[in-house]
Structure formats: structure tokens, C-alpha cells
Amino acid sequence: MKAMLLDAPGQPLRAAEVATPQPGPGQVLIRIRACAVCRTDLHVVDGELEHPKLPLVPGHEIVGIVTAVGPRVGRFKPGDRVGVP
């Protein structure tokens, strides 16, 4: 899948192809339709948080469509529209 990665604080994001994750127990895979970057992501980008887990794909506030579900997922099914804060 395509992603914008932060390799180091203060550096520009770079476009990359990364492996598409597979949903684990209790997880869903979502095709993102809209994404927002929170202030915490900006603190990491600006180098204001110590020891961030890098590389990082900023932007965890999303709306999208469930494409796959992992084991023990009962509430959602592929095709459902979801939002993640």
C-alpha cells in the first residue's frame, strides 16, 4: 500500500510502498477515505517527543471502509463505513 513515512523528526515525509497489514484478533483493516493528523503527530514530526517509534505513518484519525476483519470481530463486516478517532 502507499504511505507517507516520517523517518526522522524535522525531515520531510517520504512516499513509500509498505506491506498491507493483515488484521489480527479483534482488528479490522480499513481502506482510508479521509485522514487527519493530530497534534501529537505534529509533535513527533517537529522533534518535540523523545524516542518516537520510527518510521511513522502520521494520521491515525480516519474515516474509511472495512475491507477485512480478523478473528473475534463481531461488530463490523467488510463494506461497513467506520470512523477512528
C-alpha atoms as a PDB file:
ATOM      1  CA  MET A   1       0.000   0.000   0.000  1.00  0.00           C
ATOM      2  CA  LYS A   2       1.075   3.611  -0.400  1.00  0.00           C
ATOM      3  CA  ALA A   3       2.021   5.590   2.703  1.00  0.00           C
ATOM      4  CA  MET A   4       3.819   8.769   3.712  1.00  0.00           C
ATOM      5  CA  LEU A   5       6.568   7.904   6.196  1.00  0.00           C
ATOM      6  CA  LEU A   6       8.429  10.015   8.717  1.00  0.00           C
ATOM      7  CA  ASP A   7      11.945   8.585   9.080  1.00  0.00           C
ATOM      8  CA  ALA A   8      13.335  11.238  11.441  1.00  0.00           C
ATOM      9  CA  PRO A   9      11.975  14.287  13.261  1.00  0.00           C
ATOM     10  CA  GLY A  10      12.352  17.515  11.313  1.00  0.00           C
ATOM     11  CA  GLN A  11      12.643  15.700   7.979  1.00  0.00           C
ATOM     12  CA  PRO A  12      10.076  15.791   5.178  1.00  0.00           C
ATOM     13  CA  LEU A  13       7.724  12.842   4.847  1.00  0.00           C
ATOM     14  CA  ARG A  14       8.575  10.436   2.034  1.00  0.00           C
ATOM     15  CA  ALA A  15       6.279   8.434  -0.206  1.00  0.00           C
ATOM     16  CA  ALA A  16       6.754   4.686   0.207  1.00  0.00           C
ATOM     17  CA  GLU A  17       5.221   1.331  -0.639  1.00  0.00           C
ATOM     18  CA  VAL A  18       4.690  -0.673   2.551  1.00  0.00           C
ATOM     19  CA  ALA A  19       3.203  -4.109   3.154  1.00  0.00           C
ATOM     20  CA  THR A  20      -0.570  -4.153   3.574  1.00  0.00           C
ATOM     21  CA  PRO A  21      -1.216  -5.267   7.169  1.00  0.00           C
ATOM     22  CA  GLN A  22      -3.427  -8.238   7.947  1.00  0.00           C
ATOM     23  CA  PRO A  23      -5.985  -7.788  10.738  1.00  0.00           C
ATOM     24  CA  GLY A  24      -5.277  -9.761  13.890  1.00  0.00           C
ATOM     25  CA  PRO A  25      -7.731 -10.881  16.583  1.00  0.00           C
ATOM     26  CA  GLY A  26     -10.249  -8.134  17.311  1.00  0.00           C
ATOM     27  CA  GLN A  27      -8.914  -5.914  14.499  1.00  0.00           C
ATOM     28  CA  VAL A  28     -10.270  -4.665  11.176  1.00  0.00           C
ATOM     29  CA  LEU A  29      -8.465  -3.499   8.039  1.00  0.00           C
ATOM     30  CA  ILE A  30      -9.775  -0.187   6.706  1.00  0.00           C
ATOM     31  CA  ARG A  31      -9.360   1.396   3.268  1.00  0.00           C
ATOM     32  CA  ILE A  32      -8.898   5.025   4.201  1.00  0.00           C
ATOM     33  CA  ARG A  33     -11.095   7.628   2.505  1.00  0.00           C
ATOM     34  CA  ALA A  34     -10.203  10.642   4.709  1.00  0.00           C
ATOM     35  CA  CYS A  35      -7.382  11.185   7.177  1.00  0.00           C
ATOM     36  CA  ALA A  36      -6.434  13.834   9.754  1.00  0.00           C
ATOM     37  CA  VAL A  37      -3.166  14.461  11.543  1.00  0.00           C
ATOM     38  CA  CYS A  38      -3.449  15.118  15.284  1.00  0.00           C
ATOM     39  CA  ARG A  39      -1.303  17.464  17.338  1.00  0.00           C
ATOM     40  CA  THR A  40       0.663  14.530  18.818  1.00  0.00           C
ATOM     41  CA  ASP A  41       1.741  13.513  15.298  1.00  0.00           C
ATOM     42  CA  LEU A  42       2.947  17.074  14.733  1.00  0.00           C
ATOM     43  CA  HIS A  43       4.944  16.964  17.984  1.00  0.00           C
ATOM     44  CA  VAL A  44       6.716  13.845  16.648  1.00  0.00           C
ATOM     45  CA  VAL A  45       7.339  15.454  13.240  1.00  0.00           C
ATOM     46  CA  ASP A  46       8.721  18.568  14.943  1.00  0.00           C
ATOM     47  CA  GLY A  47      11.018  16.509  17.222  1.00  0.00           C
ATOM     48  CA  GLU A  48       9.227  17.567  20.422  1.00  0.00           C
ATOM     49  CA  LEU A  49       8.663  13.999  21.738  1.00  0.00           C
ATOM     50  CA  GLU A  50      11.546  11.793  22.836  1.00  0.00           C
ATOM     51  CA  HIS A  51      12.096   8.322  21.413  1.00  0.00           C
ATOM     52  CA  PRO A  52       9.257   8.115  18.880  1.00  0.00           C
ATOM     53  CA  LYS A  53       8.725   4.770  17.175  1.00  0.00           C
ATOM     54  CA  LEU A  54      10.061   5.404  13.660  1.00  0.00           C
ATOM     55  CA  PRO A  55       9.406   5.145  10.835  1.00  0.00           C
ATOM     56  CA  LEU A  56       5.923   6.523  11.489  1.00  0.00           C
ATOM     57  CA  VAL A  57       2.895   6.970   9.259  1.00  0.00           C
ATOM     58  CA  PRO A  58       1.238  10.085  10.738  1.00  0.00           C
ATOM     59  CA  GLY A  59      -2.518  10.441  10.638  1.00  0.00           C
ATOM     60  CA  HIS A  60      -4.483   7.994  12.764  1.00  0.00           C
ATOM     61  CA  GLU A  61      -7.775   9.933  12.736  1.00  0.00           C
ATOM     62  CA  ILE A  62      -9.574   8.360   9.781  1.00  0.00           C
ATOM     63  CA  VAL A  63     -12.811   7.534   8.012  1.00  0.00           C
ATOM     64  CA  GLY A  64     -12.934   4.586   5.658  1.00  0.00           C
ATOM     65  CA  ILE A  65     -14.433   1.275   4.602  1.00  0.00           C
ATOM     66  CA  VAL A  66     -13.747  -2.054   6.337  1.00  0.00           C
ATOM     67  CA  THR A  67     -12.069  -4.381   3.824  1.00  0.00           C
ATOM     68  CA  ALA A  68     -11.229  -7.340   6.095  1.00  0.00           C
ATOM     69  CA  VAL A  69     -11.850  -8.483   9.653  1.00  0.00           C
ATOM     70  CA  GLY A  70      -9.723 -10.567  11.997  1.00  0.00           C
ATOM     71  CA  PRO A  71     -10.852 -13.346  14.307  1.00  0.00           C
ATOM     72  CA  ARG A  72     -13.297 -12.417  17.094  1.00  0.00           C
ATOM     73  CA  VAL A  73     -14.680  -9.370  15.275  1.00  0.00           C
ATOM     74  CA  GLY A  74     -18.444  -9.394  15.569  1.00  0.00           C
ATOM     75  CA  ARG A  75     -19.474  -5.757  15.281  1.00  0.00           C
ATOM     76  CA  PHE A  76     -18.053  -4.954  11.829  1.00  0.00           C
ATOM     77  CA  LYS A  77     -18.049  -6.610   8.423  1.00  0.00           C
ATOM     78  CA  PRO A  78     -16.410  -5.811   5.084  1.00  0.00           C
ATOM     79  CA  GLY A  79     -18.174  -2.872   3.434  1.00  0.00           C
ATOM     80  CA  ASP A  80     -19.032  -1.081   6.695  1.00  0.00           C
ATOM     81  CA  ARG A  81     -18.161   2.632   6.829  1.00  0.00           C
ATOM     82  CA  VAL A  82     -16.237   3.440  10.016  1.00  0.00           C
ATOM     83  CA  GLY A  83     -14.534   6.333  11.752  1.00  0.00           C
ATOM     84  CA  VAL A  84     -11.497   6.030  14.016  1.00  0.00           C
ATOM     85  CA  PRO A  85     -10.693   8.891  16.427  1.00  0.00           C
END
